[in-house]
Protein backbone atom coordinates (compact mmCIF):
# COMPACT_ATOMS: atom_id res chain seq x y z
CA UNK A 1 0.00 0.00 0.00
CA UNK A 2 0.97 3.58 -0.47
CA UNK A 3 0.69 6.60 1.73
CA UNK A 4 -1.85 6.08 4.51
CA UNK A 5 -1.36 2.34 4.98
CA UNK A 6 -3.97 1.56 7.63
CA UNK A 7 -7.04 2.95 5.83
CA UNK A 8 -7.42 0.12 3.28
CA UNK A 9 -6.19 -3.45 3.28
CA UNK A 10 -3.81 -4.54 0.52
CA UNK A 11 -6.66 -6.49 -1.13
CA UNK A 12 -8.96 -3.47 -0.99
CA UNK A 13 -6.27 -1.36 -2.65
CA UNK A 14 -5.88 -4.03 -5.33
CA UNK A 15 -9.64 -4.11 -5.98
CA UNK A 16 -9.87 -0.32 -6.11
CA UNK A 17 -6.92 -0.05 -8.50
CA UNK A 18 -8.56 -2.53 -10.88
CA UNK A 19 -11.89 -0.70 -10.68
CA UNK A 20 -9.99 2.52 -11.32
CA UNK A 21 -8.43 0.94 -14.40
CA UNK A 22 -11.95 0.57 -15.79
CA UNK A 23 -12.70 -3.06 -15.00
CA UNK A 24 -16.22 -4.05 -13.99
CA UNK A 25 -16.81 -5.85 -10.71
CA UNK A 26 -17.24 -9.08 -12.68
CA UNK A 27 -13.93 -8.53 -14.49
CA UNK A 28 -12.18 -7.76 -11.20
CA UNK A 29 -13.65 -10.95 -9.71
CA UNK A 30 -12.34 -13.05 -12.60
CA UNK A 31 -8.92 -11.38 -12.49
CA UNK A 32 -8.56 -12.01 -8.74
CA UNK A 33 -10.30 -15.41 -8.78
CA UNK A 34 -12.99 -14.20 -6.37
CA UNK A 35 -16.76 -14.12 -6.47
CA UNK A 36 -18.68 -11.12 -7.82
CA UNK A 37 -20.31 -10.68 -4.39
CA UNK A 38 -16.89 -10.59 -2.72
CA UNK A 39 -15.87 -7.67 -4.93
CA UNK A 40 -19.12 -5.85 -4.12
CA UNK A 41 -18.40 -6.49 -0.43
CA UNK A 42 -14.86 -5.13 -0.75
CA UNK A 43 -16.20 -2.00 -2.45
CA UNK A 44 -18.79 -1.43 0.29
CA UNK A 45 -16.05 -1.66 2.92
CA UNK A 46 -13.87 0.69 0.87
CA UNK A 47 -16.72 3.22 0.71
CA UNK A 48 -17.12 3.04 4.48
CA UNK A 49 -13.44 3.37 5.22
CA UNK A 50 -13.06 6.33 2.89
CA UNK A 51 -16.34 7.96 3.94
CA UNK A 52 -17.79 8.06 0.42
CA UNK A 53 -20.88 6.74 -1.35
CA UNK A 54 -19.88 6.11 -4.97
CA UNK A 55 -17.18 4.44 -7.01
CA UNK A 56 -15.98 7.78 -8.40
CA UNK A 57 -15.82 9.36 -4.95
CA UNK A 58 -13.84 6.36 -3.70
CA UNK A 59 -11.34 6.66 -6.53
CA UNK A 60 -10.93 10.39 -6.04
CA UNK A 61 -10.55 10.13 -2.26
CA UNK A 62 -8.07 7.26 -2.51
CA UNK A 63 -6.08 9.29 -5.04
CA UNK A 64 -6.19 12.37 -2.80
CA UNK A 65 -4.88 10.27 0.10
CA UNK A 66 -2.16 8.84 -2.18
CA UNK A 67 -3.46 5.29 -1.72
CA UNK A 68 -3.81 4.74 -5.47
CA UNK A 69 -2.79 6.50 -8.64
CA UNK A 70 -5.51 7.49 -11.09
CA UNK A 71 -4.48 7.27 -14.75
C-alpha atoms as a PDB file:
ATOM      1  CA  UNK A   1       0.000   0.000   0.000  1.00  0.00           C
ATOM      2  CA  UNK A   2       0.975   3.575  -0.466  1.00  0.00           C
ATOM      3  CA  UNK A   3       0.692   6.598   1.731  1.00  0.00           C
ATOM      4  CA  UNK A   4      -1.848   6.075   4.509  1.00  0.00           C
ATOM      5  CA  UNK A   5      -1.356   2.341   4.979  1.00  0.00           C
ATOM      6  CA  UNK A   6      -3.972   1.560   7.630  1.00  0.00           C
ATOM      7  CA  UNK A   7      -7.036   2.947   5.830  1.00  0.00           C
ATOM      8  CA  UNK A   8      -7.424   0.124   3.278  1.00  0.00           C
ATOM      9  CA  UNK A   9      -6.191  -3.452   3.283  1.00  0.00           C
ATOM     10  CA  UNK A  10      -3.813  -4.544   0.522  1.00  0.00           C
ATOM     11  CA  UNK A  11      -6.662  -6.492  -1.131  1.00  0.00           C
ATOM     12  CA  UNK A  12      -8.962  -3.474  -0.995  1.00  0.00           C
ATOM     13  CA  UNK A  13      -6.274  -1.362  -2.646  1.00  0.00           C
ATOM     14  CA  UNK A  14      -5.881  -4.028  -5.334  1.00  0.00           C
ATOM     15  CA  UNK A  15      -9.636  -4.113  -5.984  1.00  0.00           C
ATOM     16  CA  UNK A  16      -9.870  -0.319  -6.105  1.00  0.00           C
ATOM     17  CA  UNK A  17      -6.924  -0.054  -8.499  1.00  0.00           C
ATOM     18  CA  UNK A  18      -8.564  -2.528 -10.882  1.00  0.00           C
ATOM     19  CA  UNK A  19     -11.894  -0.699 -10.678  1.00  0.00           C
ATOM     20  CA  UNK A  20      -9.988   2.523 -11.321  1.00  0.00           C
ATOM     21  CA  UNK A  21      -8.434   0.945 -14.398  1.00  0.00           C
ATOM     22  CA  UNK A  22     -11.946   0.574 -15.791  1.00  0.00           C
ATOM     23  CA  UNK A  23     -12.697  -3.058 -14.995  1.00  0.00           C
ATOM     24  CA  UNK A  24     -16.224  -4.046 -13.991  1.00  0.00           C
ATOM     25  CA  UNK A  25     -16.810  -5.853 -10.709  1.00  0.00           C
ATOM     26  CA  UNK A  26     -17.238  -9.082 -12.683  1.00  0.00           C
ATOM     27  CA  UNK A  27     -13.932  -8.527 -14.493  1.00  0.00           C
ATOM     28  CA  UNK A  28     -12.177  -7.765 -11.200  1.00  0.00           C
ATOM     29  CA  UNK A  29     -13.648 -10.954  -9.707  1.00  0.00           C
ATOM     30  CA  UNK A  30     -12.336 -13.046 -12.601  1.00  0.00           C
ATOM     31  CA  UNK A  31      -8.923 -11.377 -12.494  1.00  0.00           C
ATOM     32  CA  UNK A  32      -8.561 -12.010  -8.737  1.00  0.00           C
ATOM     33  CA  UNK A  33     -10.301 -15.410  -8.782  1.00  0.00           C
ATOM     34  CA  UNK A  34     -12.988 -14.197  -6.371  1.00  0.00           C
ATOM     35  CA  UNK A  35     -16.761 -14.118  -6.472  1.00  0.00           C
ATOM     36  CA  UNK A  36     -18.675 -11.119  -7.817  1.00  0.00           C
ATOM     37  CA  UNK A  37     -20.306 -10.680  -4.388  1.00  0.00           C
ATOM     38  CA  UNK A  38     -16.894 -10.591  -2.723  1.00  0.00           C
ATOM     39  CA  UNK A  39     -15.873  -7.672  -4.931  1.00  0.00           C
ATOM     40  CA  UNK A  40     -19.118  -5.850  -4.116  1.00  0.00           C
ATOM     41  CA  UNK A  41     -18.396  -6.495  -0.433  1.00  0.00           C
ATOM     42  CA  UNK A  42     -14.862  -5.125  -0.754  1.00  0.00           C
ATOM     43  CA  UNK A  43     -16.201  -1.999  -2.452  1.00  0.00           C
ATOM     44  CA  UNK A  44     -18.795  -1.425   0.287  1.00  0.00           C
ATOM     45  CA  UNK A  45     -16.048  -1.664   2.919  1.00  0.00           C
ATOM     46  CA  UNK A  46     -13.873   0.688   0.868  1.00  0.00           C
ATOM     47  CA  UNK A  47     -16.723   3.221   0.714  1.00  0.00           C
ATOM     48  CA  UNK A  48     -17.122   3.037   4.485  1.00  0.00           C
ATOM     49  CA  UNK A  49     -13.435   3.371   5.225  1.00  0.00           C
ATOM     50  CA  UNK A  50     -13.059   6.331   2.887  1.00  0.00           C
ATOM     51  CA  UNK A  51     -16.345   7.962   3.942  1.00  0.00           C
ATOM     52  CA  UNK A  52     -17.792   8.060   0.425  1.00  0.00           C
ATOM     53  CA  UNK A  53     -20.882   6.739  -1.354  1.00  0.00           C
ATOM     54  CA  UNK A  54     -19.880   6.113  -4.969  1.00  0.00           C
ATOM     55  CA  UNK A  55     -17.178   4.439  -7.011  1.00  0.00           C
ATOM     56  CA  UNK A  56     -15.983   7.775  -8.402  1.00  0.00           C
ATOM     57  CA  UNK A  57     -15.820   9.360  -4.947  1.00  0.00           C
ATOM     58  CA  UNK A  58     -13.836   6.359  -3.695  1.00  0.00           C
ATOM     59  CA  UNK A  59     -11.337   6.656  -6.526  1.00  0.00           C
ATOM     60  CA  UNK A  60     -10.929  10.392  -6.044  1.00  0.00           C
ATOM     61  CA  UNK A  61     -10.547  10.134  -2.260  1.00  0.00           C
ATOM     62  CA  UNK A  62      -8.066   7.259  -2.513  1.00  0.00           C
ATOM     63  CA  UNK A  63      -6.081   9.287  -5.040  1.00  0.00           C
ATOM     64  CA  UNK A  64      -6.186  12.365  -2.797  1.00  0.00           C
ATOM     65  CA  UNK A  65      -4.882  10.268   0.097  1.00  0.00           C
ATOM     66  CA  UNK A  66      -2.155   8.843  -2.176  1.00  0.00           C
ATOM     67  CA  UNK A  67      -3.456   5.287  -1.715  1.00  0.00           C
ATOM     68  CA  UNK A  68      -3.810   4.742  -5.472  1.00  0.00           C
ATOM     69  CA  UNK A  69      -2.790   6.503  -8.641  1.00  0.00           C
ATOM     70  CA  UNK A  70      -5.514   7.486 -11.095  1.00  0.00           C
ATOM     71  CA  UNK A  71      -4.484   7.273 -14.748  1.00  0.00           C
END
